[in-house]
C-alpha atoms as a PDB file:
ATOM      1  CA  MET A   1     -63.934 -11.913  65.597  1.00  0.00           C
ATOM      2  CA  GLU A   2     -67.381 -11.607  63.980  1.00  0.00           C
ATOM      3  CA  ARG A   3     -70.870 -10.255  66.481  1.00  0.00           C
ATOM      4  CA  THR A   4     -74.555  -9.751  65.129  1.00  0.00           C
ATOM      5  CA  PHE A   5     -77.800  -7.990  67.039  1.00  0.00           C
ATOM      6  CA  ILE A   6     -80.387 -10.529  67.816  1.00  0.00           C
ATOM      7  CA  MET A   7     -83.596  -8.354  69.689  1.00  0.00           C
ATOM      8  CA  ILE A   8     -86.098 -10.844  71.318  1.00  0.00           C
ATOM      9  CA  LYS A   9     -89.436  -8.741  70.565  1.00  0.00           C
ATOM     10  CA  PRO A  10     -91.979  -8.375  72.374  1.00  0.00           C
ATOM     11  CA  ASP A  11     -94.007 -11.439  71.555  1.00  0.00           C
ATOM     12  CA  GLY A  12     -90.621 -13.664  73.263  1.00  0.00           C
ATOM     13  CA  VAL A  13     -90.898 -11.638  76.151  1.00  0.00           C
ATOM     14  CA  GLN A  14     -94.122 -11.245  77.050  1.00  0.00           C
ATOM     15  CA  ARG A  15     -95.005 -15.171  76.212  1.00  0.00           C
ATOM     16  CA  GLY A  16     -91.297 -16.462  78.796  1.00  0.00           C
ATOM     17  CA  LEU A  17     -88.620 -17.089  75.971  1.00  0.00           C
ATOM     18  CA  VAL A  18     -85.768 -15.123  76.437  1.00  0.00           C
ATOM     19  CA  GLY A  19     -83.793 -18.169  78.329  1.00  0.00           C
ATOM     20  CA  ASP A  20     -85.345 -20.089  75.203  1.00  0.00           C
ATOM     21  CA  VAL A  21     -83.733 -18.077  72.934  1.00  0.00           C
ATOM     22  CA  ILE A  22     -80.463 -17.188  74.660  1.00  0.00           C
ATOM     23  CA  ARG A  23     -79.450 -20.770  75.553  1.00  0.00           C
ATOM     24  CA  ARG A  24     -79.502 -21.682  72.215  1.00  0.00           C
ATOM     25  CA  PHE A  25     -76.749 -19.495  71.129  1.00  0.00           C
ATOM     26  CA  GLU A  26     -75.055 -20.347  74.473  1.00  0.00           C
ATOM     27  CA  VAL A  27     -75.186 -23.675  73.339  1.00  0.00           C
ATOM     28  CA  LYS A  28     -74.238 -22.963  69.732  1.00  0.00           C
ATOM     29  CA  GLY A  29     -70.601 -21.463  71.426  1.00  0.00           C
ATOM     30  CA  PHE A  30     -71.492 -17.840  70.410  1.00  0.00           C
ATOM     31  CA  THR A  31     -70.444 -15.782  73.226  1.00  0.00           C
ATOM     32  CA  LEU A  32     -73.034 -12.807  75.119  1.00  0.00           C
ATOM     33  CA  VAL A  33     -70.809  -9.300  74.455  1.00  0.00           C
ATOM     34  CA  GLY A  34     -73.949  -7.026  75.443  1.00  0.00           C
ATOM     35  CA  LEU A  35     -77.857  -7.545  77.055  1.00  0.00           C
ATOM     36  CA  LYS A  36     -81.008  -5.358  77.625  1.00  0.00           C
ATOM     37  CA  LEU A  37     -84.783  -5.121  78.699  1.00  0.00           C
ATOM     38  CA  LEU A  38     -85.922  -1.774  77.108  1.00  0.00           C
ATOM     39  CA  ALA A  39     -88.783  -0.356  76.329  1.00  0.00           C
ATOM     40  CA  VAL A  40     -88.301   0.876  72.754  1.00  0.00           C
ATOM     41  CA  SER A  41     -88.735   4.717  71.320  1.00  0.00           C
ATOM     42  CA  ARG A  42     -90.705   5.611  68.541  1.00  0.00           C
ATOM     43  CA  GLU A  43     -87.891   6.954  67.494  1.00  0.00           C
ATOM     44  CA  LEU A  44     -85.736   3.853  67.440  1.00  0.00           C
ATOM     45  CA  ALA A  45     -88.484   1.507  66.004  1.00  0.00           C
ATOM     46  CA  GLU A  46     -88.492   4.732  63.044  1.00  0.00           C
ATOM     47  CA  GLN A  47     -85.073   3.868  62.428  1.00  0.00           C
ATOM     48  CA  HIS A  48     -84.309   0.829  63.201  1.00  0.00           C
ATOM     49  CA  TYR A  49     -87.649  -0.366  60.553  1.00  0.00           C
ATOM     50  CA  ASP A  50     -85.837   2.461  58.555  1.00  0.00           C
ATOM     51  CA  VAL A  51     -85.667  -0.107  55.099  1.00  0.00           C
ATOM     52  CA  HIS A  52     -89.060  -0.671  55.517  1.00  0.00           C
ATOM     53  CA  ARG A  53     -90.865   2.958  55.654  1.00  0.00           C
ATOM     54  CA  ASP A  54     -92.843   3.069  52.808  1.00  0.00           C
ATOM     55  CA  LYS A  55     -94.120   0.372  53.238  1.00  0.00           C
ATOM     56  CA  PRO A  56     -97.194  -0.493  53.917  1.00  0.00           C
ATOM     57  CA  PHE A  57     -96.984  -2.899  57.269  1.00  0.00           C
ATOM     58  CA  PHE A  58     -93.839   0.251  58.437  1.00  0.00           C
ATOM     59  CA  GLY A  59     -96.433   1.047  61.019  1.00  0.00           C
ATOM     60  CA  GLY A  60     -97.159  -2.202  62.417  1.00  0.00           C
ATOM     61  CA  LEU A  61     -94.087  -3.306  62.268  1.00  0.00           C
ATOM     62  CA  VAL A  62     -92.976   0.356  64.405  1.00  0.00           C
ATOM     63  CA  GLU A  63     -96.558  -0.135  66.560  1.00  0.00           C
ATOM     64  CA  PHE A  64     -94.992  -3.862  67.605  1.00  0.00           C
ATOM     65  CA  ILE A  65     -92.807  -3.216  68.337  1.00  0.00           C
ATOM     66  CA  THR A  66     -93.654   0.027  70.977  1.00  0.00           C
ATOM     67  CA  SER A  67     -95.710  -1.904  72.741  1.00  0.00           C
ATOM     68  CA  SER A  68     -93.710  -4.481  75.222  1.00  0.00           C
ATOM     69  CA  PRO A  69     -90.150  -4.390  76.321  1.00  0.00           C
ATOM     70  CA  VAL A  70     -87.854  -6.033  73.936  1.00  0.00           C
ATOM     71  CA  VAL A  71     -84.824  -7.406  75.176  1.00  0.00           C
ATOM     72  CA  ALA A  72     -81.788  -6.369  72.800  1.00  0.00           C
ATOM     73  CA  MET A  73     -78.125  -8.644  72.328  1.00  0.00           C
ATOM     74  CA  VAL A  74     -75.534  -8.544  70.501  1.00  0.00           C
ATOM     75  CA  TRP A  75     -73.802 -12.216  69.815  1.00  0.00           C
ATOM     76  CA  GLN A  76     -70.320 -12.822  69.028  1.00  0.00           C
ATOM     77  CA  GLY A  77     -68.258 -15.757  67.242  1.00  0.00           C
ATOM     78  CA  ASP A  78     -67.463 -17.355  63.558  1.00  0.00           C
ATOM     79  CA  GLY A  79     -69.767 -16.689  61.468  1.00  0.00           C
ATOM     80  CA  VAL A  80     -72.140 -15.733  63.725  1.00  0.00           C
ATOM     81  CA  VAL A  81     -74.328 -14.108  61.221  1.00  0.00           C
ATOM     82  CA  ALA A  82     -75.557 -16.354  58.524  1.00  0.00           C
ATOM     83  CA  SER A  83     -75.397 -19.375  61.817  1.00  0.00           C
ATOM     84  CA  ALA A  84     -77.593 -17.026  63.889  1.00  0.00           C
ATOM     85  CA  ARG A  85     -80.807 -16.381  60.578  1.00  0.00           C
ATOM     86  CA  LYS A  86     -79.947 -20.388  60.679  1.00  0.00           C
ATOM     87  CA  LEU A  87     -80.971 -21.110  65.059  1.00  0.00           C
ATOM     88  CA  ILE A  88     -83.028 -18.114  63.844  1.00  0.00           C
ATOM     89  CA  GLY A  89     -85.012 -20.293  61.142  1.00  0.00           C
ATOM     90  CA  ALA A  90     -87.433 -18.768  58.434  1.00  0.00           C
ATOM     91  CA  THR A  91     -89.041 -15.645  58.303  1.00  0.00           C
ATOM     92  CA  ASN A  92     -92.445 -17.392  58.791  1.00  0.00           C
ATOM     93  CA  PRO A  93     -92.809 -19.518  61.491  1.00  0.00           C
ATOM     94  CA  LEU A  94     -95.743 -21.887  59.246  1.00  0.00           C
ATOM     95  CA  SER A  95     -92.729 -22.030  56.816  1.00  0.00           C
ATOM     96  CA  ALA A  96     -90.040 -22.425  59.534  1.00  0.00           C
ATOM     97  CA  GLU A  97     -87.832 -25.838  59.800  1.00  0.00           C
ATOM     98  CA  PRO A  98     -87.987 -28.147  63.346  1.00  0.00           C
ATOM     99  CA  GLY A  99     -85.137 -26.788  65.767  1.00  0.00           C
ATOM    100  CA  THR A 100     -85.054 -23.890  64.839  1.00  0.00           C
ATOM    101  CA  ILE A 101     -86.308 -21.088  66.944  1.00  0.00           C
ATOM    102  CA  ARG A 102     -89.561 -20.046  65.217  1.00  0.00           C
ATOM    103  CA  GLY A 103     -90.269 -23.873  64.025  1.00  0.00           C
ATOM    104  CA  ASP A 104     -90.294 -24.242  67.617  1.00  0.00           C
ATOM    105  CA  PHE A 105     -92.224 -21.523  68.982  1.00  0.00           C
ATOM    106  CA  GLY A 106     -93.298 -19.381  65.946  1.00  0.00           C
ATOM    107  CA  VAL A 107     -96.808 -18.530  66.051  1.00  0.00           C
ATOM    108  CA  THR A 108     -97.688 -15.951  62.744  1.00  0.00           C
ATOM    109  CA  ILE A 109     -95.406 -13.913  59.975  1.00  0.00           C
ATOM    110  CA  GLY A 110     -96.922 -10.812  62.752  1.00  0.00           C
ATOM    111  CA  ARG A 111     -95.684 -12.617  66.251  1.00  0.00           C
ATOM    112  CA  ASN A 112     -92.417 -14.332  65.061  1.00  0.00           C
ATOM    113  CA  LEU A 113     -90.498 -13.848  67.997  1.00  0.00           C
ATOM    114  CA  ILE A 114     -87.226 -13.010  67.526  1.00  0.00           C
ATOM    115  CA  HIS A 115     -85.095 -10.360  64.639  1.00  0.00           C
ATOM    116  CA  GLY A 116     -81.286 -10.706  64.288  1.00  0.00           C
ATOM    117  CA  SER A 117     -79.627  -9.114  61.390  1.00  0.00           C
ATOM    118  CA  ASP A 118     -78.935 -10.204  58.252  1.00  0.00           C
ATOM    119  CA  ALA A 119     -75.440  -9.620  56.425  1.00  0.00           C
ATOM    120  CA  VAL A 120     -72.901  -7.978  58.161  1.00  0.00           C
ATOM    121  CA  GLU A 121     -72.850  -5.209  57.501  1.00  0.00           C
ATOM    122  CA  THR A 122     -76.233  -4.502  58.478  1.00  0.00           C
ATOM    123  CA  ALA A 123     -75.417  -6.323  62.612  1.00  0.00           C
ATOM    124  CA  GLN A 124     -73.247  -3.440  62.323  1.00  0.00           C
ATOM    125  CA  ARG A 125     -74.999  -1.010  61.671  1.00  0.00           C
ATOM    126  CA  GLU A 126     -78.106  -2.486  63.771  1.00  0.00           C
ATOM    127  CA  ILE A 127     -75.676  -3.075  66.841  1.00  0.00           C
ATOM    128  CA  ALA A 128     -74.035   0.529  66.806  1.00  0.00           C
ATOM    129  CA  LEU A 129     -78.232   1.610  66.923  1.00  0.00           C
ATOM    130  CA  TRP A 130     -79.442  -0.039  69.568  1.00  0.00           C
ATOM    131  CA  PHE A 131     -75.731  -0.373  72.177  1.00  0.00           C
ATOM    132  CA  GLN A 132     -73.081   2.143  72.962  1.00  0.00           C
ATOM    133  CA  GLU A 133     -69.318   1.506  72.691  1.00  0.00           C
ATOM    134  CA  GLY A 134     -68.957   1.032  76.574  1.00  0.00           C
ATOM    135  CA  GLU A 135     -71.944  -0.968  76.259  1.00  0.00           C
ATOM    136  CA  LEU A 136     -70.769  -4.167  75.091  1.00  0.00           C
ATOM    137  CA  ALA A 137     -68.165  -6.370  77.358  1.00  0.00           C
ATOM    138  CA  ALA A 138     -64.895  -7.286  75.254  1.00  0.00           C
ATOM    139  CA  TRP A 139     -64.242 -10.937  77.010  1.00  0.00           C
ATOM    140  CA  GLU A 140     -63.736 -14.220  75.844  1.00  0.00           C
ATOM    141  CA  PRO A 141     -64.983 -17.193  77.734  1.00  0.00           C
ATOM    142  CA  ALA A 142     -63.443 -20.178  79.303  1.00  0.00           C
ATOM    143  CA  ILE A 143     -63.989 -22.715  76.445  1.00  0.00           C
ATOM    144  CA  HIS A 144     -62.873 -20.238  73.738  1.00  0.00           C
ATOM    145  CA  GLY A 145     -59.789 -22.284  72.706  1.00  0.00           C
ATOM    146  CA  TRP A 146     -62.460 -25.831  72.862  1.00  0.00           C
ATOM    147  CA  LEU A 147     -64.662 -24.232  70.135  1.00  0.00           C
ATOM    148  CA  TYR A 148     -62.167 -22.607  67.629  1.00  0.00           C
ATOM    149  CA  GLU A 149     -58.583 -23.050  66.157  1.00  0.00           C
END
């Protein structure tokens, strides 16, 4: 079963949108297998955004993600990486479709509420960065048989 990394960023936590975001993934039928609220260290932030290290906005990303707690999650399900990206919506909330998380709750590109892995390989790297194997629950919801053939 495929897994993805989802992070509710400081603006989403501060605005009290954690429950709304989690609910959208639950209603879609995905299984939550890892969840934690944490203050992000500078080291972890730099590792997470390492792909942007040489870009002018790297420092701002690190400062923002370390400014307040985040909610880090691992979700599991068939096609969860691609489906999560659709649930999340376009990076710029002004371009995000209504019905997506960013389309419904986002205000600006710099405060777009949520991060989701963009590929299966990226998800594997991000999950390993944010979670230890013992922090992930291996379980199957009773509804599983009603969702998957």
